Protein backbone atom coordinates (compact mmCIF):
# COMPACT_ATOMS: atom_id res chain seq x y z
CA UNK A 1 21.01 13.50 -4.84
CA UNK A 2 17.63 15.02 -3.82
CA UNK A 3 18.54 18.50 -5.10
CA UNK A 4 19.96 17.15 -8.41
CA UNK A 5 16.68 15.53 -8.94
CA UNK A 6 14.55 18.79 -8.15
CA UNK A 7 16.99 20.89 -10.37
CA UNK A 8 16.48 18.27 -13.41
CA UNK A 9 12.90 17.43 -12.58
CA UNK A 10 12.10 17.64 -16.26
CA UNK A 11 14.23 14.64 -16.86
CA UNK A 12 13.06 12.56 -13.49
CA UNK A 13 9.28 13.64 -13.32
CA UNK A 14 8.40 14.10 -17.15
CA UNK A 15 4.75 13.58 -18.11
CA UNK A 16 3.98 10.02 -19.42
CA UNK A 17 4.91 9.34 -22.99
CA UNK A 18 1.45 7.54 -23.19
CA UNK A 19 -1.78 9.05 -21.85
CA UNK A 20 -4.69 6.96 -20.72
CA UNK A 21 -7.99 7.97 -21.37
CA UNK A 22 -9.07 7.68 -17.57
CA UNK A 23 -8.87 9.98 -14.57
CA UNK A 24 -8.23 9.49 -10.99
CA UNK A 25 -9.34 11.53 -7.83
CA UNK A 26 -6.89 11.30 -5.07
CA UNK A 27 -8.30 12.65 -1.66
CA UNK A 28 -5.54 14.19 0.37
CA UNK A 29 -2.32 16.02 -0.78
CA UNK A 30 -0.15 14.52 2.14
CA UNK A 31 2.79 12.08 1.60
CA UNK A 32 0.65 9.13 0.89
CA UNK A 33 -1.50 11.06 -1.65
CA UNK A 34 1.46 12.69 -3.38
CA UNK A 35 3.06 9.28 -3.89
CA UNK A 36 -0.24 7.84 -5.15
CA UNK A 37 -0.61 10.79 -7.53
CA UNK A 38 3.07 10.54 -8.75
CA UNK A 39 2.88 6.83 -9.75
CA UNK A 40 -0.67 6.90 -11.10
CA UNK A 41 0.50 9.88 -13.20
CA UNK A 42 3.48 7.95 -14.30
CA UNK A 43 1.38 5.11 -15.63
CA UNK A 44 -0.61 7.68 -17.68
CA UNK A 45 -3.81 8.60 -15.60
CA UNK A 46 -4.93 12.18 -15.58
CA UNK A 47 -4.80 12.83 -11.70
CA UNK A 48 -6.42 15.48 -9.51
CA UNK A 49 -5.35 15.68 -5.98
CA UNK A 50 -7.90 17.19 -3.67
CA UNK A 51 -7.10 18.57 -0.12
CA UNK A 52 -8.76 20.80 2.53
CA UNK A 53 -5.64 22.93 3.48
CA UNK A 54 -4.30 25.83 1.39
CA UNK A 55 -1.06 24.12 0.46
CA UNK A 56 -0.39 20.53 -0.45
CA UNK A 57 1.81 18.54 1.35
CA UNK A 58 0.03 17.50 4.62
CA UNK A 59 2.06 16.86 7.54
CA UNK A 60 5.33 17.62 5.34
CA UNK A 61 3.89 21.18 5.19
CA UNK A 62 2.08 21.54 8.75
CA UNK A 63 3.64 19.16 10.87
CA UNK A 64 7.42 19.48 10.12
CA UNK A 65 9.19 22.52 11.08
CA UNK A 66 10.81 24.66 8.41
CA UNK A 67 14.27 24.29 9.88
CA UNK A 68 13.74 20.42 9.46
CA UNK A 69 12.10 20.36 6.03
CA UNK A 70 12.60 23.84 4.32
CA UNK A 71 9.45 25.01 2.75
CA UNK A 72 11.16 25.83 -0.48
CA UNK A 73 12.26 22.21 -1.17
CA UNK A 74 8.66 20.90 -0.54
CA UNK A 75 7.32 23.65 -2.98
CA UNK A 76 9.92 22.59 -5.64
CA UNK A 77 8.65 19.07 -5.45
CA UNK A 78 5.18 19.95 -5.79
CA UNK A 79 5.78 22.26 -8.48
CA UNK A 80 7.53 19.47 -10.21
CA UNK A 81 4.45 17.35 -9.73
CA UNK A 82 2.37 20.08 -11.34
CA UNK A 83 4.64 20.27 -14.33
CA UNK A 84 4.13 16.32 -14.56
CA UNK A 85 0.55 17.13 -15.20
CA UNK A 86 -0.82 16.27 -11.78
CA UNK A 87 -3.77 18.87 -11.01
CA UNK A 88 -4.11 20.22 -7.29
CA UNK A 89 -7.25 21.73 -6.04
CA UNK A 90 -6.56 22.94 -2.40
CA UNK A 91 -8.97 24.62 0.02
CA UNK A 92 -11.51 21.84 -0.99
CA UNK A 93 -13.07 20.08 2.10
CA UNK A 94 -14.77 16.94 0.93
CA UNK A 95 -18.11 16.70 2.44
CA UNK A 96 -18.32 20.54 2.91
CA UNK A 97 -17.14 22.33 -0.04
CA UNK A 98 -17.35 19.32 -2.53
CA UNK A 99 -19.44 16.06 -2.26
CA UNK A 100 -17.59 12.62 -2.65
CA UNK A 101 -20.25 12.12 -5.42
CA UNK A 102 -18.98 15.27 -7.19
CA UNK A 103 -15.46 14.08 -6.87
CA UNK A 104 -16.26 10.61 -8.41
CA UNK A 105 -18.55 12.36 -11.13
CA UNK A 106 -15.37 14.20 -12.48
CA UNK A 107 -13.21 11.09 -12.20
CA UNK A 108 -13.39 7.99 -14.77
CA UNK A 109 -11.79 5.71 -12.18
CA UNK A 110 -13.75 2.72 -10.82
CA UNK A 111 -12.40 3.69 -7.14
CA UNK A 112 -11.21 6.69 -5.18
CA UNK A 113 -8.45 6.54 -2.95
CA UNK A 114 -8.28 8.27 0.59
CA UNK A 115 -4.73 8.00 2.06
CA UNK A 116 -4.67 7.50 5.57
CA UNK A 117 -8.40 6.89 5.97
CA UNK A 118 -8.89 2.92 5.70
CA UNK A 119 -8.26 2.75 1.86
CA UNK A 120 -10.36 2.94 -1.08
CA UNK A 121 -14.25 3.41 -1.61
CA UNK A 122 -16.05 2.21 -4.49
CA UNK A 123 -16.88 4.77 -7.10
CA UNK A 124 -18.86 4.14 -10.21
CA UNK A 125 -18.50 7.38 -12.01
CA UNK A 126 -18.96 6.12 -15.60
CA UNK A 127 -22.59 5.74 -14.34
CA UNK A 128 -22.42 8.79 -12.35
CA UNK A 129 -23.30 7.07 -9.41
CA UNK A 130 -21.27 6.64 -6.16
CA UNK A 131 -21.26 4.57 -3.41
CA UNK A 132 -19.04 6.65 -0.82
CA UNK A 133 -21.00 8.31 1.67
CA UNK A 134 -20.96 11.96 1.99
C-alpha cells in the first residue's frame, strides 16, 4: 500500500485547496517534524522545515540502516512532501547558522514547534520579537 501511495503521491499528497495567509517554521526534519509539516500543510499553512543535517528524515535517514528502510523510499516520501509545497532548509543549525529569532521573523505563526525537544516555544513574529532563547 505504501508503494501505491508514493507512486500516486499527486493524488494523496496534493497541495491544499485553500491556502492560509500564515506560515509555520518546524525545527527538525525527523519523523515528528515531517508529520507536523504534513498535517500543517494539509490545513493550508505555508510550512518550512529546518534541519541541521544535509538530508531530511532525522533518524529515518541516519539511524535506520538502508537494508531496513531503503533510502530511495524515504527520498520519494520527502519529494512528495516537497511537491505538496513543504519547503526544506537543510544544513541549518539553529543557534549557530540561524538564530531562533530569525526563524520566528520569517514565520507568521504564533508559536514554533521543536519536535522531540520539549514542545513549543512562544514566538511573536508579527511583532518581530521572539521569546525563544538563542
